[in-house]
N, C-alpha and C. Protein backbone atom coordinates (compact mmCIF):
# COMPACT_ATOMS: atom_id res chain seq x y z
N UNK A 1 88.25 117.06 94.05
CA UNK A 1 88.09 115.63 94.35
C UNK A 1 88.83 114.80 93.31
N UNK A 2 89.66 113.86 93.74
CA UNK A 2 90.43 113.01 92.83
C UNK A 2 89.63 111.74 92.58
N UNK A 3 89.18 111.53 91.35
CA UNK A 3 88.32 110.40 91.02
C UNK A 3 89.06 109.29 90.28
N UNK A 4 90.27 109.59 89.76
CA UNK A 4 91.00 108.61 88.97
C UNK A 4 92.47 108.97 88.96
N UNK A 5 93.31 107.93 89.05
CA UNK A 5 94.76 108.14 88.96
C UNK A 5 95.32 107.28 87.84
N UNK A 6 96.16 107.89 87.02
CA UNK A 6 96.87 107.14 85.99
C UNK A 6 98.32 107.57 86.03
N UNK A 7 99.18 106.63 86.32
CA UNK A 7 100.59 106.98 86.44
C UNK A 7 101.45 105.75 86.49
N UNK A 8 102.58 105.84 87.21
CA UNK A 8 103.52 104.73 87.33
C UNK A 8 103.53 104.26 88.77
N UNK A 9 103.40 102.96 88.96
CA UNK A 9 103.41 102.37 90.30
C UNK A 9 104.85 102.35 90.80
N UNK A 10 105.16 103.14 91.82
CA UNK A 10 106.55 103.21 92.30
C UNK A 10 106.73 102.52 93.65
N UNK A 11 105.64 102.17 94.33
CA UNK A 11 105.73 101.42 95.58
C UNK A 11 104.49 100.57 95.69
N UNK A 12 104.68 99.31 96.05
CA UNK A 12 103.57 98.35 96.07
C UNK A 12 103.68 97.47 97.30
N UNK A 13 102.90 97.80 98.32
CA UNK A 13 102.84 97.01 99.53
C UNK A 13 101.39 96.85 99.92
N UNK A 14 101.08 95.80 100.67
CA UNK A 14 99.69 95.58 101.05
C UNK A 14 99.19 96.71 101.95
N UNK A 15 100.11 97.41 102.62
CA UNK A 15 99.70 98.52 103.49
C UNK A 15 99.29 99.75 102.67
N UNK A 16 99.72 99.83 101.42
CA UNK A 16 99.40 100.99 100.61
C UNK A 16 100.33 101.11 99.42
N UNK A 17 99.92 101.84 98.42
CA UNK A 17 100.68 102.03 97.20
C UNK A 17 101.13 103.48 97.08
N UNK A 18 102.11 103.71 96.21
CA UNK A 18 102.44 105.07 95.80
C UNK A 18 102.44 105.08 94.28
N UNK A 19 101.64 105.99 93.72
CA UNK A 19 101.54 106.12 92.26
C UNK A 19 102.10 107.48 91.87
N UNK A 20 103.09 107.48 90.97
CA UNK A 20 103.69 108.72 90.49
C UNK A 20 102.90 109.24 89.30
N UNK A 21 102.37 110.45 89.46
CA UNK A 21 101.63 111.10 88.37
C UNK A 21 102.35 112.40 88.05
N UNK A 22 103.13 112.39 86.98
CA UNK A 22 103.87 113.58 86.55
C UNK A 22 104.73 114.16 87.68
N UNK A 23 105.43 113.27 88.38
CA UNK A 23 106.36 113.72 89.42
C UNK A 23 105.77 113.88 90.80
N UNK A 24 104.46 113.71 90.94
CA UNK A 24 103.81 113.79 92.24
C UNK A 24 103.42 112.39 92.69
N UNK A 25 103.85 111.99 93.88
CA UNK A 25 103.54 110.66 94.39
C UNK A 25 102.28 110.67 95.24
N UNK A 26 101.29 109.90 94.82
CA UNK A 26 100.03 109.80 95.56
C UNK A 26 100.00 108.49 96.33
N UNK A 27 99.76 108.58 97.65
CA UNK A 27 99.59 107.38 98.45
C UNK A 27 98.15 106.91 98.32
N UNK A 28 97.98 105.62 98.02
CA UNK A 28 96.65 105.07 97.79
C UNK A 28 96.50 103.77 98.59
N UNK A 29 95.38 103.62 99.26
CA UNK A 29 95.08 102.41 100.01
C UNK A 29 94.09 101.58 99.21
N UNK A 30 94.38 100.29 99.08
CA UNK A 30 93.55 99.44 98.22
C UNK A 30 93.16 98.16 98.96
N UNK A 31 92.03 97.54 98.58
CA UNK A 31 91.70 96.22 99.12
C UNK A 31 92.55 95.17 98.42
N UNK A 32 92.63 93.99 98.99
CA UNK A 32 93.43 92.92 98.39
C UNK A 32 92.87 92.50 97.04
N UNK A 33 91.56 92.64 96.85
CA UNK A 33 90.98 92.30 95.55
C UNK A 33 91.58 93.15 94.44
N UNK A 34 91.94 94.39 94.75
CA UNK A 34 92.62 95.25 93.78
C UNK A 34 94.11 94.98 93.76
N UNK A 35 94.71 94.76 94.93
CA UNK A 35 96.15 94.51 95.03
C UNK A 35 96.57 93.33 94.15
N UNK A 36 95.74 92.29 94.10
CA UNK A 36 96.07 91.11 93.30
C UNK A 36 96.20 91.42 91.81
N UNK A 37 95.55 92.46 91.34
CA UNK A 37 95.55 92.77 89.91
C UNK A 37 96.62 93.77 89.50
N UNK A 38 97.39 94.27 90.45
CA UNK A 38 98.36 95.32 90.15
C UNK A 38 99.53 94.82 89.31
N UNK A 39 100.08 95.69 88.46
CA UNK A 39 101.29 95.32 87.72
C UNK A 39 102.50 95.39 88.64
N UNK A 40 103.65 95.04 88.10
CA UNK A 40 104.88 95.16 88.86
C UNK A 40 105.24 96.63 89.05
N UNK A 41 106.09 96.90 90.04
CA UNK A 41 106.59 98.25 90.27
C UNK A 41 107.29 98.76 89.02
N UNK A 42 107.17 100.07 88.79
CA UNK A 42 107.73 100.78 87.63
C UNK A 42 106.92 100.57 86.36
N UNK A 43 105.73 99.98 86.49
CA UNK A 43 104.85 99.82 85.34
C UNK A 43 103.65 100.77 85.46
N UNK A 44 103.02 101.10 84.33
CA UNK A 44 101.84 101.98 84.36
C UNK A 44 100.68 101.32 85.12
N UNK A 45 99.89 102.15 85.78
CA UNK A 45 98.73 101.65 86.51
C UNK A 45 97.63 102.70 86.45
N UNK A 46 96.40 102.24 86.43
CA UNK A 46 95.24 103.12 86.47
C UNK A 46 94.31 102.64 87.57
N UNK A 47 93.90 103.55 88.43
CA UNK A 47 93.02 103.21 89.54
C UNK A 47 91.86 104.20 89.61
N UNK A 48 90.68 103.69 89.89
CA UNK A 48 89.56 104.54 90.26
C UNK A 48 89.76 104.89 91.73
N UNK A 49 89.47 106.11 92.12
CA UNK A 49 89.76 106.51 93.50
C UNK A 49 88.58 107.20 94.16
N UNK A 50 88.52 107.00 95.47
CA UNK A 50 87.56 107.69 96.32
C UNK A 50 88.36 108.41 97.40
N UNK A 51 88.13 109.69 97.56
CA UNK A 51 88.83 110.46 98.60
C UNK A 51 87.97 110.51 99.85
N UNK A 52 88.58 110.19 100.98
CA UNK A 52 87.89 110.21 102.26
C UNK A 52 88.53 111.32 103.11
N UNK A 53 87.74 112.31 103.46
CA UNK A 53 88.28 113.48 104.15
C UNK A 53 87.77 113.52 105.60
N UNK A 54 88.73 113.63 106.51
CA UNK A 54 88.43 113.84 107.92
C UNK A 54 89.21 115.07 108.40
N UNK A 55 88.91 115.52 109.58
CA UNK A 55 89.60 116.70 110.10
C UNK A 55 91.11 116.50 110.19
N UNK A 56 91.52 115.25 110.50
CA UNK A 56 92.94 115.00 110.72
C UNK A 56 93.63 114.29 109.56
N UNK A 57 92.89 113.98 108.49
CA UNK A 57 93.53 113.24 107.40
C UNK A 57 92.70 113.28 106.12
N UNK A 58 93.43 113.31 104.99
CA UNK A 58 92.83 113.14 103.67
C UNK A 58 93.44 111.88 103.09
N UNK A 59 92.62 110.90 102.73
CA UNK A 59 93.16 109.64 102.22
C UNK A 59 92.48 109.25 100.92
N UNK A 60 93.29 108.64 100.05
CA UNK A 60 92.78 108.14 98.78
C UNK A 60 92.67 106.62 98.85
N UNK A 61 91.54 106.11 98.40
CA UNK A 61 91.32 104.67 98.32
C UNK A 61 91.14 104.30 96.85
N UNK A 62 91.89 103.28 96.41
CA UNK A 62 91.91 102.94 94.99
C UNK A 62 91.29 101.59 94.70
N UNK A 63 90.76 101.47 93.47
CA UNK A 63 90.04 100.25 93.09
C UNK A 63 90.30 99.92 91.63
N UNK A 64 90.34 98.63 91.35
CA UNK A 64 90.59 98.17 89.98
C UNK A 64 89.34 98.25 89.12
N UNK A 65 88.16 98.15 89.74
CA UNK A 65 86.91 98.13 88.97
C UNK A 65 85.88 99.07 89.57
N UNK A 66 84.93 99.53 88.76
CA UNK A 66 83.84 100.36 89.28
C UNK A 66 83.00 99.64 90.32
N UNK A 67 82.89 98.31 90.16
CA UNK A 67 82.07 97.54 91.11
C UNK A 67 82.68 97.54 92.50
N UNK A 68 84.01 97.37 92.58
CA UNK A 68 84.68 97.42 93.88
C UNK A 68 84.51 98.79 94.52
N UNK A 69 84.67 99.82 93.72
CA UNK A 69 84.53 101.18 94.24
C UNK A 69 83.11 101.43 94.75
N UNK A 70 82.12 101.01 93.97
CA UNK A 70 80.72 101.22 94.37
C UNK A 70 80.40 100.46 95.66
N UNK A 71 80.93 99.24 95.77
CA UNK A 71 80.69 98.45 96.97
C UNK A 71 81.35 99.10 98.19
N UNK A 72 82.58 99.60 98.02
CA UNK A 72 83.26 100.31 99.10
C UNK A 72 82.45 101.52 99.55
N UNK A 73 81.95 102.30 98.60
CA UNK A 73 81.20 103.50 98.96
C UNK A 73 79.88 103.16 99.64
N UNK A 74 79.28 102.04 99.28
CA UNK A 74 78.08 101.60 99.98
C UNK A 74 78.43 101.18 101.41
N UNK A 75 79.52 100.47 101.58
CA UNK A 75 79.91 99.99 102.90
C UNK A 75 80.19 101.14 103.85
N UNK A 76 80.92 102.18 103.38
CA UNK A 76 81.25 103.28 104.28
C UNK A 76 80.03 104.16 104.59
N UNK A 77 78.95 103.94 103.86
CA UNK A 77 77.72 104.68 104.16
C UNK A 77 76.98 104.10 105.36
N UNK A 78 77.38 102.89 105.76
CA UNK A 78 76.75 102.23 106.91
C UNK A 78 77.32 102.82 108.19
N UNK A 79 76.46 103.13 109.12
CA UNK A 79 76.93 103.65 110.40
C UNK A 79 77.85 102.63 111.06
N UNK A 80 78.96 103.10 111.59
CA UNK A 80 79.99 102.30 112.28
C UNK A 80 80.96 101.60 111.33
N UNK A 81 80.77 101.72 110.01
CA UNK A 81 81.72 101.16 109.05
C UNK A 81 82.58 102.29 108.48
N UNK A 82 83.86 102.33 108.86
CA UNK A 82 84.78 103.32 108.33
C UNK A 82 85.54 102.76 107.14
N UNK A 83 86.38 103.57 106.50
CA UNK A 83 87.12 103.12 105.32
C UNK A 83 88.00 101.89 105.57
N UNK A 84 88.69 101.87 106.71
CA UNK A 84 89.58 100.73 106.96
C UNK A 84 88.80 99.42 107.10
N UNK A 85 87.69 99.47 107.81
CA UNK A 85 86.88 98.26 107.96
C UNK A 85 86.26 97.86 106.63
N UNK A 86 85.87 98.84 105.83
CA UNK A 86 85.32 98.54 104.50
C UNK A 86 86.37 97.84 103.63
N UNK A 87 87.63 98.31 103.69
CA UNK A 87 88.71 97.64 102.95
C UNK A 87 88.92 96.22 103.45
N UNK A 88 88.85 96.04 104.78
CA UNK A 88 89.00 94.70 105.35
C UNK A 88 87.91 93.77 104.84
N UNK A 89 86.70 94.30 104.70
CA UNK A 89 85.60 93.48 104.21
C UNK A 89 85.83 93.05 102.77
N UNK A 90 86.29 93.99 101.93
CA UNK A 90 86.58 93.66 100.54
C UNK A 90 87.79 92.74 100.41
N UNK A 91 88.70 92.81 101.39
CA UNK A 91 89.90 91.97 101.36
C UNK A 91 89.63 90.56 101.87
N UNK A 92 88.72 90.43 102.82
CA UNK A 92 88.46 89.13 103.44
C UNK A 92 87.50 88.27 102.64
N UNK A 93 86.57 88.91 101.95
CA UNK A 93 85.57 88.19 101.16
C UNK A 93 85.55 88.79 99.76
N UNK A 94 85.65 87.97 98.74
CA UNK A 94 85.65 88.47 97.36
C UNK A 94 84.41 89.33 97.13
N UNK A 95 84.54 90.47 96.45
CA UNK A 95 83.41 91.38 96.28
C UNK A 95 82.11 90.72 95.82
N UNK A 96 82.12 89.82 94.81
CA UNK A 96 80.85 89.18 94.43
C UNK A 96 80.25 88.35 95.56
N UNK A 97 81.13 87.68 96.34
CA UNK A 97 80.65 86.87 97.46
C UNK A 97 80.12 87.76 98.59
N UNK A 98 80.76 88.91 98.78
CA UNK A 98 80.31 89.84 99.80
C UNK A 98 78.93 90.39 99.44
N UNK A 99 78.75 90.70 98.18
CA UNK A 99 77.44 91.17 97.72
C UNK A 99 76.37 90.10 97.97
N UNK A 100 76.69 88.86 97.65
CA UNK A 100 75.72 87.78 97.85
C UNK A 100 75.45 87.53 99.32
N UNK A 101 76.47 87.69 100.16
CA UNK A 101 76.27 87.50 101.60
C UNK A 101 75.30 88.54 102.14
N UNK A 102 75.41 89.76 101.65
CA UNK A 102 74.50 90.82 102.11
C UNK A 102 73.09 90.58 101.57
N UNK A 103 73.00 90.23 100.30
CA UNK A 103 71.69 89.97 99.71
C UNK A 103 70.99 88.78 100.37
N UNK A 104 71.80 87.77 100.71
CA UNK A 104 71.23 86.56 101.31
C UNK A 104 71.15 86.60 102.82
N UNK A 105 71.44 87.77 103.40
CA UNK A 105 71.42 87.93 104.86
C UNK A 105 72.26 86.84 105.54
N UNK A 106 73.43 86.59 104.97
CA UNK A 106 74.33 85.55 105.48
C UNK A 106 75.21 86.13 106.59
N UNK A 107 74.67 86.16 107.77
CA UNK A 107 75.38 86.75 108.91
C UNK A 107 76.65 85.98 109.23
N UNK A 108 76.61 84.66 109.09
CA UNK A 108 77.77 83.84 109.43
C UNK A 108 78.99 84.21 108.57
N UNK A 109 78.78 84.40 107.28
CA UNK A 109 79.89 84.78 106.40
C UNK A 109 80.44 86.14 106.78
N UNK A 110 79.57 87.09 107.06
CA UNK A 110 80.02 88.43 107.43
C UNK A 110 80.80 88.40 108.74
N UNK A 111 80.41 87.52 109.65
CA UNK A 111 81.09 87.45 110.95
C UNK A 111 82.48 86.83 110.87
N UNK A 112 82.83 86.22 109.73
CA UNK A 112 84.19 85.70 109.58
C UNK A 112 85.19 86.83 109.34
N UNK A 113 84.70 88.03 109.05
CA UNK A 113 85.57 89.17 108.79
C UNK A 113 86.00 89.80 110.11
N UNK A 114 87.30 89.96 110.35
CA UNK A 114 87.75 90.60 111.59
C UNK A 114 87.14 91.99 111.74
N UNK A 115 86.59 92.25 112.94
CA UNK A 115 85.98 93.55 113.20
C UNK A 115 84.49 93.58 112.97
N UNK A 116 83.94 92.50 112.41
CA UNK A 116 82.50 92.43 112.15
C UNK A 116 81.86 91.44 113.12
N UNK A 117 81.10 91.97 114.07
CA UNK A 117 80.34 91.12 114.98
C UNK A 117 78.92 90.96 114.48
N UNK A 118 78.11 90.27 115.26
CA UNK A 118 76.74 90.00 114.82
C UNK A 118 75.94 91.29 114.61
N UNK A 119 76.05 92.22 115.54
CA UNK A 119 75.26 93.45 115.44
C UNK A 119 75.66 94.26 114.20
N UNK A 120 76.98 94.33 113.95
CA UNK A 120 77.43 95.07 112.78
C UNK A 120 77.00 94.38 111.50
N UNK A 121 77.08 93.04 111.48
CA UNK A 121 76.63 92.28 110.31
C UNK A 121 75.15 92.53 110.03
N UNK A 122 74.35 92.53 111.08
CA UNK A 122 72.92 92.77 110.92
C UNK A 122 72.66 94.18 110.40
N UNK A 123 73.46 95.14 110.88
CA UNK A 123 73.29 96.53 110.44
C UNK A 123 73.64 96.67 108.95
N UNK A 124 74.73 96.02 108.54
CA UNK A 124 75.14 96.06 107.13
C UNK A 124 74.02 95.52 106.24
N UNK A 125 73.47 94.39 106.64
CA UNK A 125 72.39 93.77 105.86
C UNK A 125 71.16 94.67 105.82
N UNK A 126 70.79 95.21 106.96
CA UNK A 126 69.61 96.06 107.05
C UNK A 126 69.74 97.31 106.18
N UNK A 127 70.92 97.95 106.23
CA UNK A 127 71.09 99.22 105.54
C UNK A 127 71.44 99.08 104.06
N UNK A 128 71.98 97.92 103.65
CA UNK A 128 72.45 97.80 102.27
C UNK A 128 71.68 96.82 101.40
N UNK A 129 70.86 95.97 101.99
CA UNK A 129 70.22 94.92 101.21
C UNK A 129 69.44 95.46 100.03
N UNK A 130 68.70 96.53 100.22
CA UNK A 130 67.90 97.08 99.13
C UNK A 130 68.75 97.87 98.13
N UNK A 131 69.89 98.40 98.59
CA UNK A 131 70.74 99.21 97.71
C UNK A 131 71.65 98.34 96.86
N UNK A 132 72.16 97.27 97.46
CA UNK A 132 73.19 96.47 96.79
C UNK A 132 72.61 95.56 95.72
N UNK A 133 71.29 95.36 95.74
CA UNK A 133 70.67 94.48 94.75
C UNK A 133 70.83 95.03 93.34
N UNK A 134 71.01 96.34 93.20
CA UNK A 134 71.15 96.96 91.89
C UNK A 134 72.60 97.03 91.41
N UNK A 135 73.52 96.57 92.23
CA UNK A 135 74.94 96.62 91.88
C UNK A 135 75.30 95.38 91.07
N UNK A 136 75.67 95.57 89.81
CA UNK A 136 76.06 94.46 88.95
C UNK A 136 77.53 94.16 89.17
N UNK A 137 77.81 92.96 89.63
CA UNK A 137 79.18 92.58 89.99
C UNK A 137 79.75 91.66 88.93
N UNK A 138 80.84 92.08 88.32
CA UNK A 138 81.50 91.24 87.32
C UNK A 138 82.33 90.18 88.02
N UNK A 139 82.69 89.10 87.32
CA UNK A 139 83.53 88.06 87.93
C UNK A 139 84.84 88.65 88.42
N UNK A 140 85.40 88.05 89.46
CA UNK A 140 86.67 88.53 90.02
C UNK A 140 87.76 88.52 88.95
N UNK A 141 88.57 89.57 88.94
CA UNK A 141 89.64 89.67 87.96
C UNK A 141 90.74 88.65 88.21
N UNK A 142 91.54 88.43 87.20
CA UNK A 142 92.65 87.49 87.33
C UNK A 142 93.67 88.02 88.32
N UNK A 143 94.11 87.20 89.21
CA UNK A 143 95.08 87.63 90.22
C UNK A 143 96.46 87.79 89.58
N UNK A 144 97.17 88.79 90.04
CA UNK A 144 98.55 89.01 89.58
C UNK A 144 99.47 88.05 90.30
N UNK A 145 100.15 87.20 89.54
CA UNK A 145 101.05 86.25 90.16
C UNK A 145 102.33 86.96 90.59
N UNK A 146 102.83 86.56 91.77
CA UNK A 146 104.03 87.16 92.33
C UNK A 146 105.16 86.15 92.34
N UNK A 147 106.39 86.56 92.67
CA UNK A 147 107.53 85.66 92.62
C UNK A 147 107.43 84.51 93.62
N UNK A 148 108.42 83.61 93.52
CA UNK A 148 108.50 82.48 94.43
C UNK A 148 108.44 82.95 95.88
N UNK A 149 107.72 82.18 96.71
CA UNK A 149 107.55 82.56 98.12
C UNK A 149 108.91 82.56 98.81
N UNK A 150 109.27 83.70 99.36
CA UNK A 150 110.49 83.85 100.12
C UNK A 150 110.16 84.68 101.35
N UNK A 151 111.15 85.16 102.05
CA UNK A 151 110.88 85.91 103.28
C UNK A 151 110.03 87.15 103.02
N UNK A 152 110.29 87.84 101.89
CA UNK A 152 109.52 89.05 101.59
C UNK A 152 108.06 88.71 101.32
N UNK A 153 107.83 87.63 100.57
CA UNK A 153 106.46 87.23 100.27
C UNK A 153 105.71 86.84 101.54
N UNK A 154 106.36 86.03 102.38
CA UNK A 154 105.72 85.64 103.64
C UNK A 154 105.44 86.86 104.50
N UNK A 155 106.36 87.83 104.49
CA UNK A 155 106.15 89.05 105.26
C UNK A 155 104.96 89.84 104.75
N UNK A 156 104.77 89.85 103.41
CA UNK A 156 103.62 90.56 102.83
C UNK A 156 102.30 89.90 103.25
N UNK A 157 102.30 88.57 103.28
CA UNK A 157 101.08 87.86 103.68
C UNK A 157 100.77 88.14 105.15
N UNK A 158 101.79 88.07 105.99
CA UNK A 158 101.60 88.35 107.41
C UNK A 158 101.12 89.78 107.61
N UNK A 159 101.71 90.71 106.88
CA UNK A 159 101.31 92.11 106.98
C UNK A 159 99.85 92.29 106.58
N UNK A 160 99.42 91.59 105.54
CA UNK A 160 98.02 91.68 105.11
C UNK A 160 97.09 91.17 106.21
N UNK A 161 97.47 90.09 106.85
CA UNK A 161 96.65 89.54 107.93
C UNK A 161 96.59 90.49 109.13
N UNK A 162 97.71 91.14 109.42
CA UNK A 162 97.71 92.13 110.51
C UNK A 162 96.77 93.28 110.18
N UNK A 163 96.78 93.71 108.94
CA UNK A 163 95.88 94.80 108.52
C UNK A 163 94.42 94.39 108.60
N UNK A 164 94.17 93.10 108.50
CA UNK A 164 92.80 92.60 108.60
C UNK A 164 92.36 92.39 110.04
N UNK A 165 93.28 92.62 110.98
CA UNK A 165 92.89 92.56 112.39
C UNK A 165 93.38 91.35 113.17
N UNK A 166 94.13 90.47 112.52
CA UNK A 166 94.64 89.29 113.23
C UNK A 166 95.90 89.66 114.02
N UNK A 167 96.15 88.91 115.10
CA UNK A 167 97.33 89.14 115.91
C UNK A 167 98.55 88.53 115.22
N UNK A 168 99.73 89.14 115.49
CA UNK A 168 100.93 88.70 114.79
C UNK A 168 101.22 87.22 115.03
N UNK A 169 101.08 86.76 116.25
CA UNK A 169 101.39 85.36 116.56
C UNK A 169 100.55 84.39 115.75
N UNK A 170 99.24 84.63 115.71
CA UNK A 170 98.36 83.72 114.98
C UNK A 170 98.55 83.86 113.47
N UNK A 171 98.87 85.08 113.01
CA UNK A 171 99.11 85.28 111.59
C UNK A 171 100.37 84.53 111.14
N UNK A 172 101.46 84.66 111.91
CA UNK A 172 102.70 83.98 111.56
C UNK A 172 102.53 82.46 111.59
N UNK A 173 101.80 81.97 112.59
CA UNK A 173 101.58 80.53 112.71
C UNK A 173 100.79 80.00 111.52
N UNK A 174 99.73 80.73 111.13
CA UNK A 174 98.90 80.29 110.01
C UNK A 174 99.67 80.31 108.70
N UNK A 175 100.44 81.38 108.46
CA UNK A 175 101.19 81.50 107.21
C UNK A 175 102.25 80.40 107.11
N UNK A 176 102.94 80.14 108.21
CA UNK A 176 103.96 79.10 108.19
C UNK A 176 103.35 77.72 107.97
N UNK A 177 102.19 77.49 108.59
CA UNK A 177 101.51 76.20 108.43
C UNK A 177 101.10 75.98 106.98
N UNK A 178 100.59 77.03 106.36
CA UNK A 178 100.18 76.93 104.95
C UNK A 178 101.39 76.74 104.05
N UNK A 179 102.46 77.50 104.31
CA UNK A 179 103.66 77.41 103.47
C UNK A 179 104.28 76.02 103.56
N UNK A 180 104.27 75.43 104.74
CA UNK A 180 104.87 74.11 104.93
C UNK A 180 104.14 73.03 104.13
N UNK A 181 102.87 73.27 103.84
CA UNK A 181 102.07 72.28 103.11
C UNK A 181 102.23 72.39 101.60
N UNK A 182 102.87 73.48 101.16
CA UNK A 182 103.00 73.70 99.72
C UNK A 182 104.47 73.62 99.30
N UNK A 183 104.71 72.96 98.19
CA UNK A 183 106.07 72.83 97.66
C UNK A 183 106.24 73.73 96.44
N UNK A 184 107.46 74.17 96.23
CA UNK A 184 107.78 74.92 95.03
C UNK A 184 107.22 76.33 95.03
N UNK A 185 106.84 76.79 93.83
CA UNK A 185 106.42 78.16 93.63
C UNK A 185 104.98 78.38 94.10
N UNK A 186 104.79 79.42 94.88
CA UNK A 186 103.45 79.81 95.31
C UNK A 186 103.30 81.31 95.09
N UNK A 187 102.07 81.79 95.14
CA UNK A 187 101.81 83.21 94.95
C UNK A 187 101.13 83.78 96.18
N UNK A 188 101.21 85.09 96.33
CA UNK A 188 100.66 85.75 97.51
C UNK A 188 99.18 85.43 97.69
N UNK A 189 98.42 85.46 96.60
CA UNK A 189 96.98 85.21 96.70
C UNK A 189 96.69 83.84 97.29
N UNK A 190 97.43 82.83 96.83
CA UNK A 190 97.21 81.47 97.31
C UNK A 190 97.53 81.36 98.79
N UNK A 191 98.69 81.88 99.21
CA UNK A 191 99.07 81.82 100.61
C UNK A 191 98.06 82.55 101.50
N UNK A 192 97.64 83.73 101.05
CA UNK A 192 96.73 84.53 101.86
C UNK A 192 95.37 83.86 102.00
N UNK A 193 94.83 83.37 100.89
CA UNK A 193 93.53 82.72 100.94
C UNK A 193 93.56 81.47 101.82
N UNK A 194 94.64 80.67 101.70
CA UNK A 194 94.75 79.47 102.51
C UNK A 194 94.90 79.82 104.00
N UNK A 195 95.67 80.88 104.28
CA UNK A 195 95.84 81.30 105.68
C UNK A 195 94.53 81.80 106.26
N UNK A 196 93.75 82.54 105.47
CA UNK A 196 92.46 83.03 105.94
C UNK A 196 91.50 81.87 106.23
N UNK A 197 91.52 80.87 105.35
CA UNK A 197 90.66 79.69 105.59
C UNK A 197 91.04 79.01 106.91
N UNK A 198 92.34 78.93 107.17
CA UNK A 198 92.80 78.30 108.39
C UNK A 198 92.41 79.11 109.61
N UNK A 199 92.49 80.43 109.53
CA UNK A 199 92.20 81.30 110.67
C UNK A 199 90.73 81.39 111.01
N UNK A 200 89.85 81.24 110.02
CA UNK A 200 88.41 81.38 110.30
C UNK A 200 87.74 80.08 110.69
N UNK A 201 88.50 79.01 110.74
CA UNK A 201 87.92 77.72 111.16
C UNK A 201 87.54 77.77 112.63
């Protein structure tokens, strides 16, 4: 079981990372809360990892903090919540806010996450409320600022929204609307958060 990776970040996309560890490239899937904290490509990186094994696939999921990892592992323990949906939950709602939504039985907040309907939200609350109360969540880490918004940056934001379950048309429309309202230098985190706010209205 691979519990931790320390190596060089050689590929960095919202769909997944590749970390080189002594010449071996490991593909790792991360939530946006972790993606925001990543260094630039060709720089050292350390990730806590959880391996998810199925008959047809072995996948590594990476996290910047123990709290994110613990929350992910709690989420995938819920019936009907798989790894991809758990990542979407961590990406759509900041981990501390997600913890509070579950503790406070805030069904409305959970339902803003693509793929989470009322029944699933109720199940998450029912199965995790007593477990998650013991999880100490540190403040969200500082986001990694990215270069000036250009076609690649906009493409990364759209790709992140597609991974969260939004349709390409609505994702492109939301990203363009947000970009048009901002002048000068922007970062991926800002564009993505603003686009998500627009889409969940």
